Amino acid sequence: MTMILPEDFADLEPFVADWTPATSAERAARRSAASATALAAFHDAMAPRLDAALVWLDARPLADLDPAGRNLLGLCLMLAHVALAVETQGQDEPRHALQREVMRITRTPADP
C-alpha cells in the first residue's frame, strides 16, 4: 500500500490532492485561485504541524524522499505561500491576488 504522507502526518492527507502543486508557479496560482475559506482551512491544519514536518524532512536527504515524503515537502512549500496570504495580507489578499494576475509567476530557479 502506498502512503500518501508519512504515518505521523496522516491527518493532513485530505489536503494533498489540492495543496501540493509541483512548481513555485503552480503554488502561486493555487494561492491566487483559492478562496479565503480554503486558504484558512489549509493554514489552520498545516501551520501547527510545520515544526514536526520540518524535523521529519530534515532527518532525510532530499534526493531520497519517497512519494509520501515529497507530498509532505509539498505541503510545507505551499504553506509558505498560504501563510503570506493568511498571516500578512489578511483581508487585503483579494486585492493582491488581482495584481498577481497581471504579474504572473511562470517559473522560478527552484522549479525542475
N, C-alpha and C. Protein backbone atom coordinates (compact mmCIF):
# COMPACT_ATOMS: atom_id res chain seq x y z
N MET A 1 0.83 -1.19 0.00
CA MET A 1 0.00 0.00 0.00
C MET A 1 0.88 1.25 0.00
N THR A 2 0.64 2.15 -0.91
CA THR A 2 1.39 3.39 -0.98
C THR A 2 0.80 4.41 -0.02
N MET A 3 1.66 5.00 0.78
CA MET A 3 1.21 6.02 1.72
C MET A 3 1.19 7.36 1.02
N ILE A 4 0.18 8.15 1.32
CA ILE A 4 0.08 9.49 0.75
C ILE A 4 1.02 10.45 1.48
N LEU A 5 1.11 10.28 2.80
CA LEU A 5 2.00 11.07 3.65
C LEU A 5 2.65 10.12 4.65
N PRO A 6 3.77 10.54 5.24
CA PRO A 6 4.34 9.73 6.32
C PRO A 6 3.28 9.53 7.41
N GLU A 7 3.34 8.39 8.07
CA GLU A 7 2.31 7.98 9.02
C GLU A 7 1.97 9.05 10.06
N ASP A 8 2.96 9.74 10.57
CA ASP A 8 2.72 10.76 11.61
C ASP A 8 1.94 11.96 11.10
N PHE A 9 1.76 12.06 9.79
CA PHE A 9 1.08 13.21 9.20
C PHE A 9 -0.18 12.80 8.44
N ALA A 10 -0.69 11.63 8.72
CA ALA A 10 -1.86 11.10 8.01
C ALA A 10 -3.07 12.02 8.12
N ASP A 11 -3.17 12.79 9.19
CA ASP A 11 -4.30 13.70 9.35
C ASP A 11 -4.33 14.81 8.29
N LEU A 12 -3.21 15.03 7.63
CA LEU A 12 -3.13 16.07 6.60
C LEU A 12 -3.44 15.54 5.20
N GLU A 13 -3.71 14.25 5.07
CA GLU A 13 -3.95 13.65 3.76
C GLU A 13 -5.06 14.31 2.96
N PRO A 14 -6.14 14.80 3.58
CA PRO A 14 -7.18 15.45 2.77
C PRO A 14 -6.68 16.68 1.99
N PHE A 15 -5.54 17.24 2.37
CA PHE A 15 -5.02 18.43 1.71
C PHE A 15 -4.08 18.12 0.56
N VAL A 16 -3.60 16.90 0.46
CA VAL A 16 -2.57 16.56 -0.52
C VAL A 16 -3.03 16.81 -1.96
N ALA A 17 -4.21 16.38 -2.31
CA ALA A 17 -4.66 16.50 -3.71
C ALA A 17 -4.69 17.94 -4.20
N ASP A 18 -5.09 18.86 -3.34
CA ASP A 18 -5.25 20.25 -3.77
C ASP A 18 -4.10 21.17 -3.41
N TRP A 19 -3.25 20.74 -2.48
CA TRP A 19 -2.28 21.68 -1.93
C TRP A 19 -0.83 21.23 -2.11
N THR A 20 -0.54 20.40 -3.11
CA THR A 20 0.84 20.00 -3.38
C THR A 20 1.22 20.21 -4.85
N PRO A 21 1.01 21.42 -5.39
CA PRO A 21 1.45 21.66 -6.76
C PRO A 21 2.95 21.42 -6.89
N ALA A 22 3.37 21.08 -8.08
CA ALA A 22 4.76 20.66 -8.31
C ALA A 22 5.76 21.81 -8.38
N THR A 23 5.33 22.99 -8.79
CA THR A 23 6.27 24.09 -9.01
C THR A 23 5.87 25.33 -8.22
N SER A 24 6.81 26.24 -8.11
CA SER A 24 6.53 27.52 -7.44
C SER A 24 5.42 28.28 -8.16
N ALA A 25 5.46 28.26 -9.47
CA ALA A 25 4.42 28.96 -10.24
C ALA A 25 3.05 28.36 -9.98
N GLU A 26 2.99 27.04 -9.91
CA GLU A 26 1.71 26.38 -9.64
C GLU A 26 1.24 26.66 -8.21
N ARG A 27 2.18 26.77 -7.26
CA ARG A 27 1.79 27.12 -5.89
C ARG A 27 1.24 28.54 -5.84
N ALA A 28 1.87 29.46 -6.57
CA ALA A 28 1.38 30.84 -6.60
C ALA A 28 -0.02 30.89 -7.23
N ALA A 29 -0.22 30.14 -8.29
CA ALA A 29 -1.53 30.11 -8.94
C ALA A 29 -2.59 29.50 -8.02
N ARG A 30 -2.22 28.47 -7.28
CA ARG A 30 -3.16 27.83 -6.35
C ARG A 30 -3.57 28.81 -5.27
N ARG A 31 -2.60 29.55 -4.75
CA ARG A 31 -2.90 30.57 -3.74
C ARG A 31 -3.88 31.59 -4.30
N SER A 32 -3.63 32.06 -5.49
CA SER A 32 -4.50 33.08 -6.09
C SER A 32 -5.90 32.56 -6.35
N ALA A 33 -6.01 31.29 -6.71
CA ALA A 33 -7.31 30.72 -7.07
C ALA A 33 -8.14 30.31 -5.85
N ALA A 34 -7.50 30.12 -4.72
CA ALA A 34 -8.19 29.60 -3.53
C ALA A 34 -9.04 30.69 -2.86
N SER A 35 -10.13 30.26 -2.30
CA SER A 35 -10.98 31.17 -1.53
C SER A 35 -10.31 31.45 -0.18
N ALA A 36 -10.74 32.51 0.47
CA ALA A 36 -10.23 32.83 1.80
C ALA A 36 -10.51 31.69 2.77
N THR A 37 -11.66 31.06 2.61
CA THR A 37 -12.03 29.94 3.49
C THR A 37 -11.08 28.76 3.28
N ALA A 38 -10.78 28.45 2.02
CA ALA A 38 -9.87 27.34 1.72
C ALA A 38 -8.46 27.64 2.21
N LEU A 39 -7.99 28.86 2.01
CA LEU A 39 -6.67 29.25 2.49
C LEU A 39 -6.59 29.09 4.00
N ALA A 40 -7.60 29.57 4.71
CA ALA A 40 -7.61 29.50 6.17
C ALA A 40 -7.67 28.05 6.65
N ALA A 41 -8.46 27.23 5.98
CA ALA A 41 -8.57 25.82 6.39
C ALA A 41 -7.23 25.10 6.24
N PHE A 42 -6.56 25.32 5.11
CA PHE A 42 -5.24 24.70 4.92
C PHE A 42 -4.25 25.24 5.95
N HIS A 43 -4.21 26.55 6.10
CA HIS A 43 -3.29 27.17 7.05
C HIS A 43 -3.53 26.64 8.47
N ASP A 44 -4.78 26.58 8.89
CA ASP A 44 -5.10 26.15 10.25
C ASP A 44 -4.71 24.69 10.50
N ALA A 45 -4.76 23.87 9.46
CA ALA A 45 -4.37 22.47 9.60
C ALA A 45 -2.85 22.29 9.53
N MET A 46 -2.20 23.00 8.63
CA MET A 46 -0.78 22.76 8.36
C MET A 46 0.16 23.55 9.28
N ALA A 47 -0.17 24.77 9.61
CA ALA A 47 0.75 25.61 10.38
C ALA A 47 1.17 24.98 11.71
N PRO A 48 0.26 24.40 12.47
CA PRO A 48 0.69 23.79 13.73
C PRO A 48 1.57 22.55 13.54
N ARG A 49 1.57 21.97 12.37
CA ARG A 49 2.33 20.75 12.09
C ARG A 49 3.67 21.05 11.42
N LEU A 50 3.92 22.33 11.10
CA LEU A 50 5.12 22.67 10.34
C LEU A 50 6.41 22.27 11.04
N ASP A 51 6.55 22.58 12.31
CA ASP A 51 7.79 22.24 13.01
C ASP A 51 8.07 20.74 12.95
N ALA A 52 7.06 19.93 13.22
CA ALA A 52 7.24 18.47 13.18
C ALA A 52 7.56 18.00 11.76
N ALA A 53 6.91 18.61 10.78
CA ALA A 53 7.17 18.24 9.39
C ALA A 53 8.61 18.57 9.00
N LEU A 54 9.10 19.72 9.41
CA LEU A 54 10.47 20.11 9.08
C LEU A 54 11.48 19.21 9.78
N VAL A 55 11.20 18.81 11.01
CA VAL A 55 12.08 17.86 11.71
C VAL A 55 12.11 16.55 10.94
N TRP A 56 10.94 16.07 10.52
CA TRP A 56 10.87 14.82 9.76
C TRP A 56 11.67 14.94 8.46
N LEU A 57 11.47 16.03 7.74
CA LEU A 57 12.16 16.23 6.46
C LEU A 57 13.66 16.41 6.65
N ASP A 58 14.07 17.16 7.67
CA ASP A 58 15.49 17.41 7.90
C ASP A 58 16.27 16.14 8.22
N ALA A 59 15.58 15.11 8.65
CA ALA A 59 16.25 13.85 9.00
C ALA A 59 16.53 12.97 7.79
N ARG A 60 16.13 13.43 6.61
CA ARG A 60 16.29 12.61 5.40
C ARG A 60 16.92 13.44 4.28
N PRO A 61 17.75 12.81 3.47
CA PRO A 61 18.28 13.52 2.29
C PRO A 61 17.14 13.83 1.31
N LEU A 62 17.12 15.02 0.81
CA LEU A 62 16.07 15.44 -0.12
C LEU A 62 15.96 14.51 -1.32
N ALA A 63 17.09 14.09 -1.83
CA ALA A 63 17.08 13.22 -3.02
C ALA A 63 16.50 11.84 -2.74
N ASP A 64 16.43 11.46 -1.48
CA ASP A 64 15.94 10.13 -1.13
C ASP A 64 14.48 10.10 -0.68
N LEU A 65 13.78 11.24 -0.76
CA LEU A 65 12.39 11.26 -0.31
C LEU A 65 11.53 10.37 -1.19
N ASP A 66 10.69 9.57 -0.57
CA ASP A 66 9.72 8.76 -1.30
C ASP A 66 8.51 9.65 -1.62
N PRO A 67 7.52 9.15 -2.35
CA PRO A 67 6.36 9.99 -2.70
C PRO A 67 5.66 10.59 -1.48
N ALA A 68 5.56 9.85 -0.40
CA ALA A 68 4.92 10.39 0.81
C ALA A 68 5.74 11.55 1.37
N GLY A 69 7.04 11.42 1.39
CA GLY A 69 7.90 12.49 1.86
C GLY A 69 7.84 13.71 0.94
N ARG A 70 7.78 13.47 -0.37
CA ARG A 70 7.66 14.59 -1.31
C ARG A 70 6.32 15.31 -1.13
N ASN A 71 5.27 14.57 -0.82
CA ASN A 71 3.98 15.21 -0.54
C ASN A 71 4.06 16.08 0.70
N LEU A 72 4.74 15.60 1.73
CA LEU A 72 4.91 16.40 2.94
C LEU A 72 5.70 17.66 2.64
N LEU A 73 6.76 17.53 1.85
CA LEU A 73 7.54 18.69 1.45
C LEU A 73 6.65 19.66 0.67
N GLY A 74 5.82 19.14 -0.22
CA GLY A 74 4.93 19.99 -1.00
C GLY A 74 3.96 20.77 -0.12
N LEU A 75 3.45 20.14 0.93
CA LEU A 75 2.56 20.84 1.85
C LEU A 75 3.31 21.97 2.57
N CYS A 76 4.55 21.70 2.96
CA CYS A 76 5.36 22.74 3.62
C CYS A 76 5.63 23.91 2.69
N LEU A 77 5.97 23.61 1.45
CA LEU A 77 6.23 24.68 0.47
C LEU A 77 4.97 25.49 0.20
N MET A 78 3.83 24.81 0.12
CA MET A 78 2.57 25.51 -0.11
C MET A 78 2.22 26.39 1.09
N LEU A 79 2.55 25.93 2.29
CA LEU A 79 2.26 26.74 3.47
C LEU A 79 3.00 28.07 3.41
N ALA A 80 4.19 28.10 2.83
CA ALA A 80 4.92 29.37 2.70
C ALA A 80 4.10 30.38 1.90
N HIS A 81 3.44 29.94 0.87
CA HIS A 81 2.58 30.83 0.07
C HIS A 81 1.33 31.21 0.85
N VAL A 82 0.71 30.23 1.45
CA VAL A 82 -0.56 30.45 2.14
C VAL A 82 -0.36 31.29 3.40
N ALA A 83 0.72 31.09 4.11
CA ALA A 83 0.97 31.88 5.32
C ALA A 83 1.06 33.37 5.00
N LEU A 84 1.67 33.71 3.89
CA LEU A 84 1.72 35.11 3.48
C LEU A 84 0.31 35.66 3.29
N ALA A 85 -0.54 34.88 2.63
CA ALA A 85 -1.91 35.31 2.39
C ALA A 85 -2.70 35.46 3.68
N VAL A 86 -2.57 34.49 4.57
CA VAL A 86 -3.39 34.46 5.79
C VAL A 86 -2.82 35.35 6.88
N GLU A 87 -1.52 35.23 7.14
CA GLU A 87 -0.92 35.92 8.28
C GLU A 87 -0.56 37.37 7.98
N THR A 88 -0.18 37.67 6.75
CA THR A 88 0.29 39.02 6.43
C THR A 88 -0.74 39.82 5.64
N GLN A 89 -1.23 39.27 4.53
CA GLN A 89 -2.15 40.00 3.67
C GLN A 89 -3.54 40.11 4.29
N GLY A 90 -4.01 39.02 4.89
CA GLY A 90 -5.33 39.03 5.53
C GLY A 90 -6.42 39.47 4.59
N GLN A 91 -7.17 40.46 4.99
CA GLN A 91 -8.30 40.93 4.18
C GLN A 91 -7.86 41.61 2.88
N ASP A 92 -6.60 41.98 2.79
CA ASP A 92 -6.09 42.59 1.56
C ASP A 92 -5.70 41.55 0.51
N GLU A 93 -5.75 40.27 0.85
CA GLU A 93 -5.34 39.21 -0.08
C GLU A 93 -6.06 39.29 -1.42
N PRO A 94 -7.39 39.48 -1.48
CA PRO A 94 -8.05 39.55 -2.80
C PRO A 94 -7.51 40.68 -3.68
N ARG A 95 -7.18 41.81 -3.07
CA ARG A 95 -6.63 42.93 -3.85
C ARG A 95 -5.25 42.57 -4.40
N HIS A 96 -4.45 41.90 -3.60
CA HIS A 96 -3.12 41.49 -4.05
C HIS A 96 -3.21 40.36 -5.09
N ALA A 97 -4.21 39.53 -4.99
CA ALA A 97 -4.41 38.46 -5.97
C ALA A 97 -4.62 39.05 -7.36
N LEU A 98 -5.33 40.16 -7.46
CA LEU A 98 -5.55 40.81 -8.76
C LEU A 98 -4.22 41.26 -9.36
N GLN A 99 -3.34 41.78 -8.53
CA GLN A 99 -2.03 42.22 -9.02
C GLN A 99 -1.19 41.04 -9.47
N ARG A 100 -1.33 39.90 -8.79
CA ARG A 100 -0.58 38.70 -9.20
C ARG A 100 -1.05 38.19 -10.55
N GLU A 101 -2.29 38.47 -10.92
CA GLU A 101 -2.77 38.06 -12.23
C GLU A 101 -2.07 38.85 -13.34
N VAL A 102 -1.72 40.08 -13.06
CA VAL A 102 -1.04 40.92 -14.05
C VAL A 102 0.44 40.55 -14.14
N MET A 103 1.04 40.25 -13.01
CA MET A 103 2.46 39.88 -12.97
C MET A 103 2.56 38.44 -12.49
N ARG A 104 2.27 37.54 -13.38
CA ARG A 104 2.17 36.12 -13.07
C ARG A 104 3.55 35.45 -13.02
N ILE A 105 3.76 34.63 -12.01
CA ILE A 105 4.98 33.82 -11.91
C ILE A 105 4.83 32.66 -12.89
N THR A 106 5.79 32.48 -13.76
CA THR A 106 5.73 31.36 -14.71
C THR A 106 6.75 30.28 -14.40
N ARG A 107 7.84 30.65 -13.74
CA ARG A 107 8.82 29.67 -13.30
C ARG A 107 9.77 30.36 -12.33
N THR A 108 10.47 29.55 -11.55
CA THR A 108 11.46 30.06 -10.61
C THR A 108 12.71 29.18 -10.72
N PRO A 109 13.84 29.64 -10.21
CA PRO A 109 15.05 28.82 -10.27
C PRO A 109 14.90 27.46 -9.58
N ALA A 110 13.98 27.37 -8.64
CA ALA A 110 13.80 26.10 -7.91
C ALA A 110 12.98 25.08 -8.69
N ASP A 111 12.30 25.51 -9.74
CA ASP A 111 11.45 24.59 -10.49
C ASP A 111 12.29 23.67 -11.36
N PRO A 112 11.80 22.43 -11.52
CA PRO A 112 12.54 21.46 -12.36
C PRO A 112 12.57 21.86 -13.81
